[in-house]
Structure formats: structure tokens, C-alpha cells
Amino acid sequence: MTKTFTKNDLVRFLYDELTNDEKRALAQALLTDNELQNELDLLRSTMTELSKVSYKPSQRSVDKILEFSKGYHKQSV
């Protein structure tokens, strides 16, 4: 019986979250399934690009959060 792999399986593979049996089965499938290999390559490149992204809130957002937090009073325990 042939196992069908999903994108979720490929993501789990990239993050080393598969069991040893699952890894072996997926590695075997990758040898013969070009579409699966292309999907894995795309996900791998997406992971690489995501690691380059950095987020920085705008100063306006920071100011709004700080202003909102002033409405809370510190309570001593």
C-alpha cells in the first residue's frame, strides 16, 4: 500500500517531528516522487525566508499600548 504524504507531514519532517518509521517512508517516497520533492523544496525555502523576517511595531502602536497600560494601577500583594 502506498502512503500519501501531506504538507503537514513535510513540515513535521523539516522540524524533525516524525517517527523513525515515518522518516524512512517519507525518504523513500521522496526518491521517486518529484512532486513531493518539489513541495519539500518549496517548504524548505519558505522556512529559510521566514527566518530572515523581523518584526518591529510602529512607535504609534507602542505609544498606544503604553497609554492603555497607564489605566491599570499596580496593586501590592
N, C-alpha and C. Protein backbone atom coordinates (compact mmCIF):
# COMPACT_ATOMS: atom_id res chain seq x y z
N MET A 1 0.85 -1.19 0.00
CA MET A 1 0.00 0.00 0.00
C MET A 1 0.89 1.25 0.00
N THR A 2 0.57 2.21 -0.84
CA THR A 2 1.33 3.44 -0.95
C THR A 2 0.79 4.47 0.02
N LYS A 3 1.69 5.09 0.78
CA LYS A 3 1.30 6.12 1.74
C LYS A 3 1.27 7.46 1.03
N THR A 4 0.21 8.22 1.26
CA THR A 4 0.11 9.58 0.73
C THR A 4 0.56 10.54 1.82
N PHE A 5 1.49 11.40 1.48
CA PHE A 5 2.01 12.37 2.44
C PHE A 5 1.38 13.74 2.22
N THR A 6 1.15 14.43 3.30
CA THR A 6 0.54 15.76 3.25
C THR A 6 1.61 16.83 3.48
N LYS A 7 1.22 18.09 3.28
CA LYS A 7 2.13 19.19 3.60
C LYS A 7 2.49 19.17 5.08
N ASN A 8 1.53 18.78 5.90
CA ASN A 8 1.79 18.69 7.33
C ASN A 8 2.90 17.66 7.61
N ASP A 9 2.88 16.55 6.91
CA ASP A 9 3.94 15.55 7.06
C ASP A 9 5.29 16.13 6.67
N LEU A 10 5.30 16.91 5.60
CA LEU A 10 6.55 17.52 5.15
C LEU A 10 7.07 18.54 6.16
N VAL A 11 6.19 19.32 6.74
CA VAL A 11 6.59 20.29 7.76
C VAL A 11 7.14 19.55 8.98
N ARG A 12 6.46 18.48 9.37
CA ARG A 12 6.94 17.68 10.51
C ARG A 12 8.32 17.09 10.19
N PHE A 13 8.53 16.71 8.94
CA PHE A 13 9.82 16.20 8.51
C PHE A 13 10.91 17.27 8.66
N LEU A 14 10.60 18.47 8.20
CA LEU A 14 11.57 19.57 8.29
C LEU A 14 11.92 19.93 9.72
N TYR A 15 10.95 19.80 10.61
CA TYR A 15 11.18 20.13 12.02
C TYR A 15 11.57 18.89 12.84
N ASP A 16 11.88 17.79 12.15
CA ASP A 16 12.32 16.55 12.78
C ASP A 16 11.33 16.05 13.83
N GLU A 17 10.05 16.04 13.46
CA GLU A 17 8.99 15.61 14.36
C GLU A 17 8.35 14.29 13.94
N LEU A 18 8.93 13.60 12.96
CA LEU A 18 8.39 12.32 12.52
C LEU A 18 9.03 11.17 13.30
N THR A 19 8.31 10.09 13.40
CA THR A 19 8.89 8.89 13.99
C THR A 19 9.92 8.34 13.00
N ASN A 20 10.76 7.44 13.45
CA ASN A 20 11.76 6.85 12.56
C ASN A 20 11.11 6.13 11.39
N ASP A 21 10.01 5.43 11.64
CA ASP A 21 9.30 4.74 10.55
C ASP A 21 8.74 5.73 9.54
N GLU A 22 8.17 6.83 10.03
CA GLU A 22 7.63 7.85 9.14
C GLU A 22 8.74 8.50 8.32
N LYS A 23 9.88 8.76 8.95
CA LYS A 23 11.02 9.35 8.23
C LYS A 23 11.48 8.45 7.10
N ARG A 24 11.61 7.14 7.41
CA ARG A 24 12.04 6.20 6.38
C ARG A 24 11.06 6.15 5.22
N ALA A 25 9.77 6.10 5.54
CA ALA A 25 8.75 6.04 4.49
C ALA A 25 8.76 7.30 3.64
N LEU A 26 8.89 8.45 4.27
CA LEU A 26 8.91 9.71 3.53
C LEU A 26 10.17 9.82 2.68
N ALA A 27 11.30 9.45 3.26
CA ALA A 27 12.56 9.49 2.50
C ALA A 27 12.47 8.60 1.26
N GLN A 28 11.85 7.44 1.40
CA GLN A 28 11.67 6.53 0.27
C GLN A 28 10.76 7.16 -0.78
N ALA A 29 9.68 7.76 -0.33
CA ALA A 29 8.74 8.40 -1.26
C ALA A 29 9.40 9.56 -2.00
N LEU A 30 10.27 10.30 -1.32
CA LEU A 30 10.94 11.44 -1.94
C LEU A 30 11.86 11.01 -3.08
N LEU A 31 12.36 9.79 -3.02
CA LEU A 31 13.25 9.29 -4.06
C LEU A 31 12.55 9.11 -5.40
N THR A 32 11.25 8.85 -5.34
CA THR A 32 10.52 8.53 -6.58
C THR A 32 9.42 9.53 -6.94
N ASP A 33 9.12 10.45 -6.05
CA ASP A 33 8.01 11.38 -6.28
C ASP A 33 8.54 12.80 -6.43
N ASN A 34 8.66 13.23 -7.68
CA ASN A 34 9.20 14.58 -7.96
C ASN A 34 8.31 15.68 -7.41
N GLU A 35 7.01 15.48 -7.46
CA GLU A 35 6.07 16.49 -6.95
C GLU A 35 6.25 16.67 -5.44
N LEU A 36 6.40 15.56 -4.75
CA LEU A 36 6.63 15.60 -3.30
C LEU A 36 7.96 16.29 -2.99
N GLN A 37 8.98 15.98 -3.77
CA GLN A 37 10.29 16.61 -3.59
C GLN A 37 10.21 18.11 -3.85
N ASN A 38 9.48 18.52 -4.87
CA ASN A 38 9.32 19.95 -5.16
C ASN A 38 8.60 20.67 -4.03
N GLU A 39 7.58 20.01 -3.47
CA GLU A 39 6.84 20.59 -2.35
C GLU A 39 7.76 20.75 -1.13
N LEU A 40 8.58 19.75 -0.88
CA LEU A 40 9.54 19.82 0.24
C LEU A 40 10.53 20.96 0.01
N ASP A 41 11.03 21.09 -1.20
CA ASP A 41 11.97 22.17 -1.52
C ASP A 41 11.33 23.54 -1.31
N LEU A 42 10.08 23.68 -1.72
CA LEU A 42 9.37 24.94 -1.54
C LEU A 42 9.19 25.26 -0.05
N LEU A 43 8.80 24.27 0.72
CA LEU A 43 8.63 24.49 2.17
C LEU A 43 9.96 24.82 2.84
N ARG A 44 11.02 24.14 2.42
CA ARG A 44 12.35 24.40 2.98
C ARG A 44 12.78 25.83 2.67
N SER A 45 12.55 26.29 1.45
CA SER A 45 12.94 27.65 1.10
C SER A 45 12.07 28.67 1.84
N THR A 46 10.81 28.34 2.06
CA THR A 46 9.92 29.22 2.83
C THR A 46 10.42 29.35 4.26
N MET A 47 10.84 28.24 4.86
CA MET A 47 11.40 28.29 6.22
C MET A 47 12.63 29.20 6.27
N THR A 48 13.47 29.10 5.27
CA THR A 48 14.68 29.92 5.21
C THR A 48 14.32 31.40 5.13
N GLU A 49 13.36 31.72 4.28
CA GLU A 49 12.95 33.11 4.13
C GLU A 49 12.28 33.64 5.40
N LEU A 50 11.47 32.82 6.04
CA LEU A 50 10.81 33.25 7.28
C LEU A 50 11.81 33.56 8.38
N SER A 51 12.90 32.82 8.41
CA SER A 51 13.90 33.08 9.45
C SER A 51 14.59 34.43 9.26
N LYS A 52 14.47 35.02 8.09
CA LYS A 52 15.08 36.33 7.81
C LYS A 52 14.16 37.49 8.19
N VAL A 53 12.90 37.20 8.45
CA VAL A 53 11.92 38.25 8.72
C VAL A 53 12.03 38.70 10.17
N SER A 54 12.01 40.01 10.35
CA SER A 54 11.96 40.54 11.71
C SER A 54 10.80 41.53 11.78
N TYR A 55 10.20 41.55 12.92
CA TYR A 55 9.05 42.42 13.10
C TYR A 55 9.37 43.49 14.13
N LYS A 56 8.93 44.69 13.84
CA LYS A 56 9.11 45.78 14.77
C LYS A 56 7.83 46.62 14.73
N PRO A 57 7.19 46.75 15.88
CA PRO A 57 5.95 47.54 15.89
C PRO A 57 6.25 49.01 15.64
N SER A 58 5.28 49.70 15.10
CA SER A 58 5.45 51.14 14.89
C SER A 58 5.47 51.84 16.25
N GLN A 59 6.07 52.99 16.28
CA GLN A 59 6.10 53.77 17.53
C GLN A 59 4.69 54.11 17.98
N ARG A 60 3.80 54.35 17.02
CA ARG A 60 2.41 54.65 17.36
C ARG A 60 1.77 53.49 18.12
N SER A 61 2.03 52.26 17.68
CA SER A 61 1.49 51.09 18.38
C SER A 61 2.05 50.98 19.79
N VAL A 62 3.33 51.19 19.93
CA VAL A 62 3.96 51.14 21.25
C VAL A 62 3.36 52.21 22.16
N ASP A 63 3.20 53.41 21.63
CA ASP A 63 2.63 54.51 22.42
C ASP A 63 1.20 54.19 22.87
N LYS A 64 0.41 53.59 21.97
CA LYS A 64 -0.97 53.25 22.33
C LYS A 64 -0.99 52.19 23.44
N ILE A 65 -0.13 51.22 23.35
CA ILE A 65 -0.06 50.17 24.38
C ILE A 65 0.35 50.78 25.72
N LEU A 66 1.36 51.63 25.70
CA LEU A 66 1.82 52.26 26.94
C LEU A 66 0.74 53.16 27.53
N GLU A 67 0.04 53.89 26.68
CA GLU A 67 -1.04 54.75 27.16
C GLU A 67 -2.16 53.91 27.78
N PHE A 68 -2.50 52.82 27.13
CA PHE A 68 -3.54 51.94 27.65
C PHE A 68 -3.13 51.36 29.00
N SER A 69 -1.87 50.97 29.13
CA SER A 69 -1.41 50.34 30.37
C SER A 69 -1.39 51.31 31.54
N LYS A 70 -1.36 52.59 31.27
CA LYS A 70 -1.39 53.58 32.35
C LYS A 70 -2.72 53.54 33.10
N GLY A 71 -3.74 52.98 32.48
CA GLY A 71 -5.05 52.89 33.11
C GLY A 71 -5.12 51.83 34.19
N TYR A 72 -4.12 50.99 34.27
CA TYR A 72 -4.09 49.94 35.29
C TYR A 72 -3.21 50.38 36.45
N HIS A 73 -3.67 50.14 37.66
CA HIS A 73 -2.91 50.52 38.84
C HIS A 73 -2.20 49.30 39.38
N LYS A 74 -0.98 49.50 39.77
CA LYS A 74 -0.20 48.43 40.35
C LYS A 74 -0.73 48.16 41.76
N GLN A 75 -1.07 46.91 42.04
CA GLN A 75 -1.57 46.56 43.35
C GLN A 75 -0.50 45.80 44.12
N SER A 76 -0.32 46.14 45.38
CA SER A 76 0.66 45.42 46.19
C SER A 76 0.01 44.17 46.75
N VAL A 77 0.77 43.14 46.87
CA VAL A 77 0.24 41.86 47.35
C VAL A 77 0.61 41.64 48.79
